[in-house]
PDB file of all heavy atoms in Angstrom:
ATOM      1  N   GLY A   1    -137.325-132.186  91.655  1.00  0.00           N
ATOM      2  CA  GLY A   1    -137.278-133.604  91.492  1.00  0.00           C
ATOM      3  C   GLY A   1    -138.607-134.134  91.045  1.00  0.00           C
ATOM      4  O   GLY A   1    -139.455-133.381  90.616  1.00  0.00           O
ATOM      5  N   PRO A   2    -138.726-135.424  91.160  1.00  0.00           N
ATOM      6  CA  PRO A   2    -140.028-136.034  90.757  1.00  0.00           C
ATOM      7  C   PRO A   2    -141.128-135.553  91.649  1.00  0.00           C
ATOM      8  O   PRO A   2    -140.965-135.226  92.786  1.00  0.00           O
ATOM      9  CB  PRO A   2    -139.773-137.522  90.935  1.00  0.00           C
ATOM     10  CG  PRO A   2    -138.634-137.656  91.884  1.00  0.00           C
ATOM     11  CD  PRO A   2    -137.815-136.397  91.690  1.00  0.00           C
ATOM     12  N   LYS A   3    -142.335-135.430  91.078  1.00  0.00           N
ATOM     13  CA  LYS A   3    -143.491-135.031  91.818  1.00  0.00           C
ATOM     14  C   LYS A   3    -144.069-136.242  92.541  1.00  0.00           C
ATOM     15  O   LYS A   3    -144.164-137.361  92.010  1.00  0.00           O
ATOM     16  CB  LYS A   3    -144.574-134.494  90.873  1.00  0.00           C
ATOM     17  CG  LYS A   3    -144.113-133.274  90.103  1.00  0.00           C
ATOM     18  CD  LYS A   3    -144.522-132.035  90.801  1.00  0.00           C
ATOM     19  CE  LYS A   3    -144.220-130.874  89.902  1.00  0.00           C
ATOM     20  NZ  LYS A   3    -143.728-129.676  90.577  1.00  0.00           N
ATOM     21  N   PRO A   4    -144.533-136.040  93.782  1.00  0.00           N
ATOM     22  CA  PRO A   4    -145.146-137.187  94.490  1.00  0.00           C
ATOM     23  C   PRO A   4    -146.468-137.567  93.873  1.00  0.00           C
ATOM     24  O   PRO A   4    -147.238-136.743  93.376  1.00  0.00           O
ATOM     25  CB  PRO A   4    -145.364-136.632  95.902  1.00  0.00           C
ATOM     26  CG  PRO A   4    -145.326-135.137  95.781  1.00  0.00           C
ATOM     27  CD  PRO A   4    -144.512-134.822  94.596  1.00  0.00           C
ATOM     28  N   GLU A   5    -146.737-138.870  93.894  1.00  0.00           N
ATOM     29  CA  GLU A   5    -147.978-139.409  93.395  1.00  0.00           C
ATOM     30  C   GLU A   5    -149.054-139.387  94.448  1.00  0.00           C
ATOM     31  O   GLU A   5    -148.756-139.431  95.644  1.00  0.00           O
ATOM     32  CB  GLU A   5    -147.761-140.870  92.927  1.00  0.00           C
ATOM     33  CG  GLU A   5    -146.785-141.063  91.863  1.00  0.00           C
ATOM     34  CD  GLU A   5    -147.271-140.560  90.485  1.00  0.00           C
ATOM     35  OE1 GLU A   5    -148.472-140.336  90.340  1.00  0.00           O
ATOM     36  OE2 GLU A   5    -146.420-140.427  89.599  1.00  0.00           O
ATOM     37  N   THR A   6    -150.325-139.325  94.062  1.00  0.00           N
ATOM     38  CA  THR A   6    -151.437-139.379  94.974  1.00  0.00           C
ATOM     39  C   THR A   6    -151.757-140.833  95.208  1.00  0.00           C
ATOM     40  O   THR A   6    -151.985-141.600  94.238  1.00  0.00           O
ATOM     41  CB  THR A   6    -152.671-138.593  94.398  1.00  0.00           C
ATOM     42  OG1 THR A   6    -152.291-137.224  94.256  1.00  0.00           O
ATOM     43  CG2 THR A   6    -153.827-138.707  95.374  1.00  0.00           C
ATOM     44  N   VAL A   7    -151.841-141.240  96.399  1.00  0.00           N
ATOM     45  CA  VAL A   7    -152.159-142.624  96.792  1.00  0.00           C
ATOM     46  C   VAL A   7    -153.607-142.756  97.192  1.00  0.00           C
ATOM     47  O   VAL A   7    -154.172-141.925  97.832  1.00  0.00           O
ATOM     48  CB  VAL A   7    -151.264-143.051  97.991  1.00  0.00           C
ATOM     49  CG1 VAL A   7    -151.564-144.466  98.461  1.00  0.00           C
ATOM     50  CG2 VAL A   7    -149.786-142.899  97.650  1.00  0.00           C
ATOM     51  N   SER A   8    -154.249-143.846  96.705  1.00  0.00           N
ATOM     52  CA  SER A   8    -155.570-144.132  97.122  1.00  0.00           C
ATOM     53  C   SER A   8    -155.625-145.558  97.754  1.00  0.00           C
ATOM     54  O   SER A   8    -154.840-146.384  97.367  1.00  0.00           O
ATOM     55  CB  SER A   8    -156.587-144.045  96.002  1.00  0.00           C
ATOM     56  OG  SER A   8    -156.304-144.990  94.986  1.00  0.00           O
ATOM     57  N   VAL A   9    -156.511-145.742  98.687  1.00  0.00           N
ATOM     58  CA  VAL A   9    -156.612-147.004  99.395  1.00  0.00           C
ATOM     59  C   VAL A   9    -158.063-147.392  99.449  1.00  0.00           C
ATOM     60  O   VAL A   9    -158.954-146.590  99.784  1.00  0.00           O
ATOM     61  CB  VAL A   9    -156.043-146.900 100.809  1.00  0.00           C
ATOM     62  CG1 VAL A   9    -156.293-148.185 101.616  1.00  0.00           C
ATOM     63  CG2 VAL A   9    -154.562-146.606 100.742  1.00  0.00           C
ATOM     64  N   SER A  10    -158.354-148.657  99.135  1.00  0.00           N
ATOM     65  CA  SER A  10    -159.698-149.175  99.307  1.00  0.00           C
ATOM     66  C   SER A  10    -159.584-150.540 100.012  1.00  0.00           C
ATOM     67  O   SER A  10    -158.586-151.233  99.869  1.00  0.00           O
ATOM     68  CB  SER A  10    -160.421-149.338  97.937  1.00  0.00           C
ATOM     69  OG  SER A  10    -159.702-150.279  97.149  1.00  0.00           O
ATOM     70  N   CYS A  11    -160.640-150.872 100.754  1.00  0.00           N
ATOM     71  CA  CYS A  11    -160.625-152.118 101.512  1.00  0.00           C
ATOM     72  C   CYS A  11    -161.889-152.933 101.208  1.00  0.00           C
ATOM     73  O   CYS A  11    -162.967-152.385 100.951  1.00  0.00           O
ATOM     74  CB  CYS A  11    -160.549-151.829 103.028  1.00  0.00           C
ATOM     75  SG  CYS A  11    -159.081-150.924 103.513  1.00  0.00           S
ATOM     76  N   THR A  12    -161.738-154.223 101.211  1.00  0.00           N
ATOM     77  CA  THR A  12    -162.838-155.156 101.106  1.00  0.00           C
ATOM     78  C   THR A  12    -162.635-156.300 102.090  1.00  0.00           C
ATOM     79  O   THR A  12    -161.534-156.436 102.674  1.00  0.00           O
ATOM     80  CB  THR A  12    -162.944-155.728  99.684  1.00  0.00           C
ATOM     81  OG1 THR A  12    -161.724-156.377  99.323  1.00  0.00           O
ATOM     82  CG2 THR A  12    -163.282-154.622  98.658  1.00  0.00           C
ATOM     83  N   GLN A  13    -163.640-157.168 102.212  1.00  0.00           N
ATOM     84  CA  GLN A  13    -163.556-158.271 103.132  1.00  0.00           C
ATOM     85  C   GLN A  13    -164.172-159.518 102.494  1.00  0.00           C
ATOM     86  O   GLN A  13    -165.186-159.410 101.829  1.00  0.00           O
ATOM     87  CB  GLN A  13    -164.281-157.938 104.424  1.00  0.00           C
ATOM     88  CG  GLN A  13    -164.154-159.039 105.493  1.00  0.00           C
ATOM     89  CD  GLN A  13    -164.810-158.650 106.808  1.00  0.00           C
ATOM     90  OE1 GLN A  13    -165.410-157.675 106.950  1.00  0.00           O
ATOM     91  NE2 GLN A  13    -164.566-159.492 107.795  1.00  0.00           N
ATOM     92  N   ASP A  14    -163.507-160.661 102.673  1.00  0.00           N
ATOM     93  CA  ASP A  14    -164.045-161.933 102.279  1.00  0.00           C
ATOM     94  C   ASP A  14    -163.943-162.853 103.524  1.00  0.00           C
ATOM     95  O   ASP A  14    -162.888-163.469 103.749  1.00  0.00           O
ATOM     96  CB  ASP A  14    -163.235-162.510 101.129  1.00  0.00           C
ATOM     97  CG  ASP A  14    -163.740-163.890 100.680  1.00  0.00           C
ATOM     98  OD1 ASP A  14    -164.858-164.247 101.064  1.00  0.00           O
ATOM     99  OD2 ASP A  14    -163.010-164.539  99.951  1.00  0.00           O
ATOM    100  N   ARG A  15    -164.965-162.834 104.306  1.00  0.00           N
ATOM    101  CA  ARG A  15    -165.033-163.540 105.564  1.00  0.00           C
ATOM    102  C   ARG A  15    -163.849-163.191 106.458  1.00  0.00           C
ATOM    103  O   ARG A  15    -163.791-162.156 106.988  1.00  0.00           O
ATOM    104  CB  ARG A  15    -165.164-165.048 105.306  1.00  0.00           C
ATOM    105  CG  ARG A  15    -166.515-165.369 104.662  1.00  0.00           C
ATOM    106  CD  ARG A  15    -166.817-166.840 104.699  1.00  0.00           C
ATOM    107  NE  ARG A  15    -167.092-167.189 106.076  1.00  0.00           N
ATOM    108  CZ  ARG A  15    -168.048-168.004 106.429  1.00  0.00           C
ATOM    109  NH1 ARG A  15    -168.802-168.539 105.536  1.00  0.00           N
ATOM    110  NH2 ARG A  15    -168.262-168.305 107.717  1.00  0.00           N
ATOM    111  N   TYR A  16    -162.856-164.118 106.607  1.00  0.00           N
ATOM    112  CA  TYR A  16    -161.774-163.932 107.565  1.00  0.00           C
ATOM    113  C   TYR A  16    -160.589-163.134 106.972  1.00  0.00           C
ATOM    114  O   TYR A  16    -159.602-163.027 107.634  1.00  0.00           O
ATOM    115  CB  TYR A  16    -161.296-165.292 108.052  1.00  0.00           C
ATOM    116  CG  TYR A  16    -162.417-166.077 108.714  1.00  0.00           C
ATOM    117  CD1 TYR A  16    -163.049-167.125 108.026  1.00  0.00           C
ATOM    118  CD2 TYR A  16    -162.828-165.741 109.975  1.00  0.00           C
ATOM    119  CE1 TYR A  16    -164.058-167.814 108.603  1.00  0.00           C
ATOM    120  CE2 TYR A  16    -163.878-166.505 110.589  1.00  0.00           C
ATOM    121  CZ  TYR A  16    -164.489-167.509 109.903  1.00  0.00           C
ATOM    122  OH  TYR A  16    -165.513-168.205 110.493  1.00  0.00           O
ATOM    123  N   TRP A  17    -160.735-162.673 105.775  1.00  0.00           N
ATOM    124  CA  TRP A  17    -159.670-161.950 105.128  1.00  0.00           C
ATOM    125  C   TRP A  17    -160.073-160.472 104.870  1.00  0.00           C
ATOM    126  O   TRP A  17    -161.206-160.232 104.407  1.00  0.00           O
ATOM    127  CB  TRP A  17    -159.297-162.533 103.777  1.00  0.00           C
ATOM    128  CG  TRP A  17    -158.773-163.946 103.901  1.00  0.00           C
ATOM    129  CD1 TRP A  17    -159.461-165.064 103.700  1.00  0.00           C
ATOM    130  CD2 TRP A  17    -157.428-164.314 104.163  1.00  0.00           C
ATOM    131  NE1 TRP A  17    -158.598-166.146 103.870  1.00  0.00           N
ATOM    132  CE2 TRP A  17    -157.347-165.706 104.168  1.00  0.00           C
ATOM    133  CE3 TRP A  17    -156.264-163.573 104.460  1.00  0.00           C
ATOM    134  CZ2 TRP A  17    -156.211-166.409 104.448  1.00  0.00           C
ATOM    135  CZ3 TRP A  17    -155.115-164.267 104.702  1.00  0.00           C
ATOM    136  CH2 TRP A  17    -155.100-165.693 104.721  1.00  0.00           C
ATOM    137  N   LEU A  18    -159.212-159.568 105.178  1.00  0.00           N
ATOM    138  CA  LEU A  18    -159.369-158.171 104.785  1.00  0.00           C
ATOM    139  C   LEU A  18    -158.383-157.927 103.655  1.00  0.00           C
ATOM    140  O   LEU A  18    -157.271-158.408 103.692  1.00  0.00           O
ATOM    141  CB  LEU A  18    -159.050-157.205 105.909  1.00  0.00           C
ATOM    142  CG  LEU A  18    -160.027-157.121 107.086  1.00  0.00           C
ATOM    143  CD1 LEU A  18    -159.527-156.059 108.069  1.00  0.00           C
ATOM    144  CD2 LEU A  18    -161.436-156.893 106.650  1.00  0.00           C
ATOM    145  N   PHE A  19    -158.852-157.199 102.628  1.00  0.00           N
ATOM    146  CA  PHE A  19    -157.970-156.872 101.498  1.00  0.00           C
ATOM    147  C   PHE A  19    -157.849-155.370 101.452  1.00  0.00           C
ATOM    148  O   PHE A  19    -158.872-154.638 101.479  1.00  0.00           O
ATOM    149  CB  PHE A  19    -158.562-157.395 100.193  1.00  0.00           C
ATOM    150  CG  PHE A  19    -158.683-158.866 100.109  1.00  0.00           C
ATOM    151  CD1 PHE A  19    -159.832-159.506 100.486  1.00  0.00           C
ATOM    152  CD2 PHE A  19    -157.581-159.641  99.730  1.00  0.00           C
ATOM    153  CE1 PHE A  19    -159.915-160.885 100.467  1.00  0.00           C
ATOM    154  CE2 PHE A  19    -157.645-161.017  99.677  1.00  0.00           C
ATOM    155  CZ  PHE A  19    -158.834-161.646 100.043  1.00  0.00           C
ATOM    156  N   MET A  20    -156.628-154.905 101.441  1.00  0.00           N
ATOM    157  CA  MET A  20    -156.342-153.456 101.323  1.00  0.00           C
ATOM    158  C   MET A  20    -155.620-153.264  99.988  1.00  0.00           C
ATOM    159  O   MET A  20    -154.530-153.801  99.801  1.00  0.00           O
ATOM    160  CB  MET A  20    -155.501-152.952 102.501  1.00  0.00           C
ATOM    161  CG  MET A  20    -155.169-151.486 102.384  1.00  0.00           C
ATOM    162  SD  MET A  20    -154.346-150.824 103.885  1.00  0.00           S
ATOM    163  CE  MET A  20    -152.839-151.777 103.888  1.00  0.00           C
ATOM    164  N   GLU A  21    -156.234-152.488  99.108  1.00  0.00           N
ATOM    165  CA  GLU A  21    -155.594-152.230  97.829  1.00  0.00           C
ATOM    166  C   GLU A  21    -155.062-150.788  97.851  1.00  0.00           C
ATOM    167  O   GLU A  21    -155.770-149.829  98.113  1.00  0.00           O
ATOM    168  CB  GLU A  21    -156.584-152.354  96.686  1.00  0.00           C
ATOM    169  CG  GLU A  21    -155.923-152.205  95.290  1.00  0.00           C
ATOM    170  CD  GLU A  21    -156.770-152.658  94.208  1.00  0.00           C
ATOM    171  OE1 GLU A  21    -157.939-153.004  94.370  1.00  0.00           O
ATOM    172  OE2 GLU A  21    -156.250-152.727  93.073  1.00  0.00           O
ATOM    173  N   ILE A  22    -153.763-150.687  97.613  1.00  0.00           N
ATOM    174  CA  ILE A  22    -153.038-149.403  97.568  1.00  0.00           C
ATOM    175  C   ILE A  22    -152.730-149.098  96.117  1.00  0.00           C
ATOM    176  O   ILE A  22    -152.083-149.940  95.467  1.00  0.00           O
ATOM    177  CB  ILE A  22    -151.755-149.425  98.424  1.00  0.00           C
ATOM    178  CG1 ILE A  22    -152.112-149.779  99.880  1.00  0.00           C
ATOM    179  CG2 ILE A  22    -151.037-148.106  98.325  1.00  0.00           C
ATOM    180  CD1 ILE A  22    -150.917-149.949 100.792  1.00  0.00           C
ATOM    181  N   SER A  23    -153.178-147.957  95.671  1.00  0.00           N
ATOM    182  CA  SER A  23    -153.056-147.624  94.181  1.00  0.00           C
ATOM    183  C   SER A  23    -152.495-146.205  94.004  1.00  0.00           C
ATOM    184  O   SER A  23    -152.740-145.320  94.759  1.00  0.00           O
ATOM    185  CB  SER A  23    -154.399-147.702  93.510  1.00  0.00           C
ATOM    186  OG  SER A  23    -154.993-148.959  93.680  1.00  0.00           O
ATOM    187  N   VAL A  24    -151.664-146.151  92.967  1.00  0.00           N
ATOM    188  CA  VAL A  24    -151.235-144.851  92.383  1.00  0.00           C
ATOM    189  C   VAL A  24    -151.383-145.003  90.861  1.00  0.00           C
ATOM    190  O   VAL A  24    -151.666-146.109  90.389  1.00  0.00           O
ATOM    191  CB  VAL A  24    -149.774-144.503  92.773  1.00  0.00           C
ATOM    192  CG1 VAL A  24    -149.644-144.298  94.289  1.00  0.00           C
ATOM    193  CG2 VAL A  24    -148.844-145.565  92.307  1.00  0.00           C
ATOM    194  N   VAL A  25    -151.160-143.964  90.143  1.00  0.00           N
ATOM    195  CA  VAL A  25    -151.300-144.021  88.702  1.00  0.00           C
ATOM    196  C   VAL A  25    -150.322-145.079  88.162  1.00  0.00           C
ATOM    197  O   VAL A  25    -149.145-145.043  88.393  1.00  0.00           O
ATOM    198  CB  VAL A  25    -150.944-142.660  88.046  1.00  0.00           C
ATOM    199  CG1 VAL A  25    -150.943-142.760  86.568  1.00  0.00           C
ATOM    200  CG2 VAL A  25    -151.959-141.632  88.506  1.00  0.00           C
ATOM    201  N   GLY A  26    -150.901-146.106  87.496  1.00  0.00           N
ATOM    202  CA  GLY A  26    -150.070-147.155  86.861  1.00  0.00           C
ATOM    203  C   GLY A  26    -149.589-148.268  87.773  1.00  0.00           C
ATOM    204  O   GLY A  26    -148.975-149.232  87.281  1.00  0.00           O
ATOM    205  N   GLN A  27    -149.799-148.170  89.087  1.00  0.00           N
ATOM    206  CA  GLN A  27    -149.340-149.213  90.009  1.00  0.00           C
ATOM    207  C   GLN A  27    -150.421-149.465  91.001  1.00  0.00           C
ATOM    208  O   GLN A  27    -151.085-148.583  91.495  1.00  0.00           O
ATOM    209  CB  GLN A  27    -148.073-148.772  90.691  1.00  0.00           C
ATOM    210  CG  GLN A  27    -146.872-148.592  89.826  1.00  0.00           C
ATOM    211  CD  GLN A  27    -145.638-148.181  90.658  1.00  0.00           C
ATOM    212  OE1 GLN A  27    -145.165-148.989  91.500  1.00  0.00           O
ATOM    213  NE2 GLN A  27    -145.145-147.015  90.440  1.00  0.00           N
ATOM    214  N   SER A  28    -150.546-150.764  91.383  1.00  0.00           N
ATOM    215  CA  SER A  28    -151.511-151.141  92.394  1.00  0.00           C
ATOM    216  C   SER A  28    -151.070-152.437  93.046  1.00  0.00           C
ATOM    217  O   SER A  28    -150.483-153.295  92.405  1.00  0.00           O
ATOM    218  CB  SER A  28    -152.906-151.287  91.744  1.00  0.00           C
ATOM    219  OG  SER A  28    -153.862-151.688  92.691  1.00  0.00           O
ATOM    220  N   VAL A  29    -151.327-152.571  94.337  1.00  0.00           N
ATOM    221  CA  VAL A  29    -151.038-153.817  95.001  1.00  0.00           C
ATOM    222  C   VAL A  29    -152.145-154.120  96.015  1.00  0.00           C
ATOM    223  O   VAL A  29    -152.678-153.222  96.633  1.00  0.00           O
ATOM    224  CB  VAL A  29    -149.666-153.780  95.733  1.00  0.00           C
ATOM    225  CG1 VAL A  29    -149.680-152.694  96.775  1.00  0.00           C
ATOM    226  CG2 VAL A  29    -149.316-155.117  96.372  1.00  0.00           C
ATOM    227  N   LYS A  30    -152.605-155.385  96.033  1.00  0.00           N
ATOM    228  CA  LYS A  30    -153.627-155.807  96.966  1.00  0.00           C
ATOM    229  C   LYS A  30    -152.958-156.620  98.052  1.00  0.00           C
ATOM    230  O   LYS A  30    -152.257-157.566  97.797  1.00  0.00           O
ATOM    231  CB  LYS A  30    -154.688-156.620  96.275  1.00  0.00           C
ATOM    232  CG  LYS A  30    -155.875-156.956  97.163  1.00  0.00           C
ATOM    233  CD  LYS A  30    -156.967-157.660  96.449  1.00  0.00           C
ATOM    234  CE  LYS A  30    -157.841-156.715  95.761  1.00  0.00           C
ATOM    235  NZ  LYS A  30    -159.110-157.333  95.263  1.00  0.00           N
ATOM    236  N   ILE A  31    -153.155-156.182  99.299  1.00  0.00           N
ATOM    237  CA  ILE A  31    -152.547-156.849 100.438  1.00  0.00           C
ATOM    238  C   ILE A  31    -153.628-157.635 101.176  1.00  0.00           C
ATOM    239  O   ILE A  31    -154.704-157.078 101.510  1.00  0.00           O
ATOM    240  CB  ILE A  31    -151.941-155.850 101.397  1.00  0.00           C
ATOM    241  CG1 ILE A  31    -150.824-155.056 100.728  1.00  0.00           C
ATOM    242  CG2 ILE A  31    -151.388-156.524 102.688  1.00  0.00           C
ATOM    243  CD1 ILE A  31    -150.306-153.882 101.460  1.00  0.00           C
ATOM    244  N   ARG A  32    -153.366-158.941 101.344  1.00  0.00           N
ATOM    245  CA  ARG A  32    -154.335-159.803 102.026  1.00  0.00           C
ATOM    246  C   ARG A  32    -153.982-159.897 103.489  1.00  0.00           C
ATOM    247  O   ARG A  32    -152.841-160.287 103.857  1.00  0.00           O
ATOM    248  CB  ARG A  32    -154.284-161.193 101.379  1.00  0.00           C
ATOM    249  CG  ARG A  32    -155.304-162.154 101.927  1.00  0.00           C
ATOM    250  CD  ARG A  32    -155.233-163.499 101.227  1.00  0.00           C
ATOM    251  NE  ARG A  32    -153.942-164.114 101.491  1.00  0.00           N
ATOM    252  CZ  ARG A  32    -153.547-165.206 100.821  1.00  0.00           C
ATOM    253  NH1 ARG A  32    -154.242-165.778  99.892  1.00  0.00           N
ATOM    254  NH2 ARG A  32    -152.382-165.728 101.116  1.00  0.00           N
ATOM    255  N   MET A  33    -154.885-159.471 104.353  1.00  0.00           N
ATOM    256  CA  MET A  33    -154.596-159.414 105.793  1.00  0.00           C
ATOM    257  C   MET A  33    -155.401-160.474 106.497  1.00  0.00           C
ATOM    258  O   MET A  33    -156.614-160.566 106.349  1.00  0.00           O
ATOM    259  CB  MET A  33    -154.924-158.039 106.321  1.00  0.00           C
ATOM    260  CG  MET A  33    -154.079-156.935 105.722  1.00  0.00           C
ATOM    261  SD  MET A  33    -154.276-155.309 106.465  1.00  0.00           S
ATOM    262  CE  MET A  33    -155.859-154.844 105.874  1.00  0.00           C
ATOM    263  N   SER A  34    -154.705-161.262 107.287  1.00  0.00           N
ATOM    264  CA  SER A  34    -155.275-162.441 107.991  1.00  0.00           C
ATOM    265  C   SER A  34    -155.744-162.021 109.368  1.00  0.00           C
ATOM    266  O   SER A  34    -155.062-161.276 110.065  1.00  0.00           O
ATOM    267  CB  SER A  34    -154.207-163.540 108.089  1.00  0.00           C
ATOM    268  OG  SER A  34    -154.553-164.439 109.069  1.00  0.00           O
ATOM    269  N   ASP A  35    -156.865-162.616 109.790  1.00  0.00           N
ATOM    270  CA  ASP A  35    -157.305-162.329 111.168  1.00  0.00           C
ATOM    271  C   ASP A  35    -156.430-163.125 112.150  1.00  0.00           C
ATOM    272  O   ASP A  35    -156.354-162.710 113.338  1.00  0.00           O
ATOM    273  CB  ASP A  35    -158.768-162.681 111.362  1.00  0.00           C
ATOM    274  CG  ASP A  35    -159.065-164.191 111.270  1.00  0.00           C
ATOM    275  OD1 ASP A  35    -158.417-164.810 110.421  1.00  0.00           O
ATOM    276  OD2 ASP A  35    -159.979-164.687 111.945  1.00  0.00           O
ATOM    277  N   VAL A  36    -155.745-164.120 111.761  1.00  0.00           N
ATOM    278  CA  VAL A  36    -154.872-164.894 112.627  1.00  0.00           C
ATOM    279  C   VAL A  36    -153.552-164.149 112.881  1.00  0.00           C
ATOM    280  O   VAL A  36    -153.056-164.082 113.978  1.00  0.00           O
ATOM    281  CB  VAL A  36    -154.580-166.299 112.036  1.00  0.00           C
ATOM    282  CG1 VAL A  36    -153.579-167.055 112.881  1.00  0.00           C
ATOM    283  CG2 VAL A  36    -155.856-167.065 111.904  1.00  0.00           C
ATOM    284  N   TYR A  37    -152.963-163.589 111.794  1.00  0.00           N
ATOM    285  CA  TYR A  37    -151.737-162.826 111.918  1.00  0.00           C
ATOM    286  C   TYR A  37    -152.048-161.334 111.686  1.00  0.00           C
ATOM    287  O   TYR A  37    -151.652-160.809 110.681  1.00  0.00           O
ATOM    288  CB  TYR A  37    -150.663-163.321 110.946  1.00  0.00           C
ATOM    289  CG  TYR A  37    -150.348-164.763 111.146  1.00  0.00           C
ATOM    290  CD1 TYR A  37    -150.699-165.737 110.152  1.00  0.00           C
ATOM    291  CD2 TYR A  37    -149.657-165.201 112.287  1.00  0.00           C
ATOM    292  CE1 TYR A  37    -150.374-167.064 110.344  1.00  0.00           C
ATOM    293  CE2 TYR A  37    -149.363-166.527 112.453  1.00  0.00           C
ATOM    294  CZ  TYR A  37    -149.704-167.471 111.491  1.00  0.00           C
ATOM    295  OH  TYR A  37    -149.399-168.751 111.677  1.00  0.00           O
TER     296      TYR A  37
END
């Protein structure tokens, strides 16, 4: 079947927000994480 992709994750912070970026070849999404929720 299809071969699994290698996932990479990087994190950054902008004061009260943490950002987690999840990436694979050709696709990426940045998730904004709140300290409140």
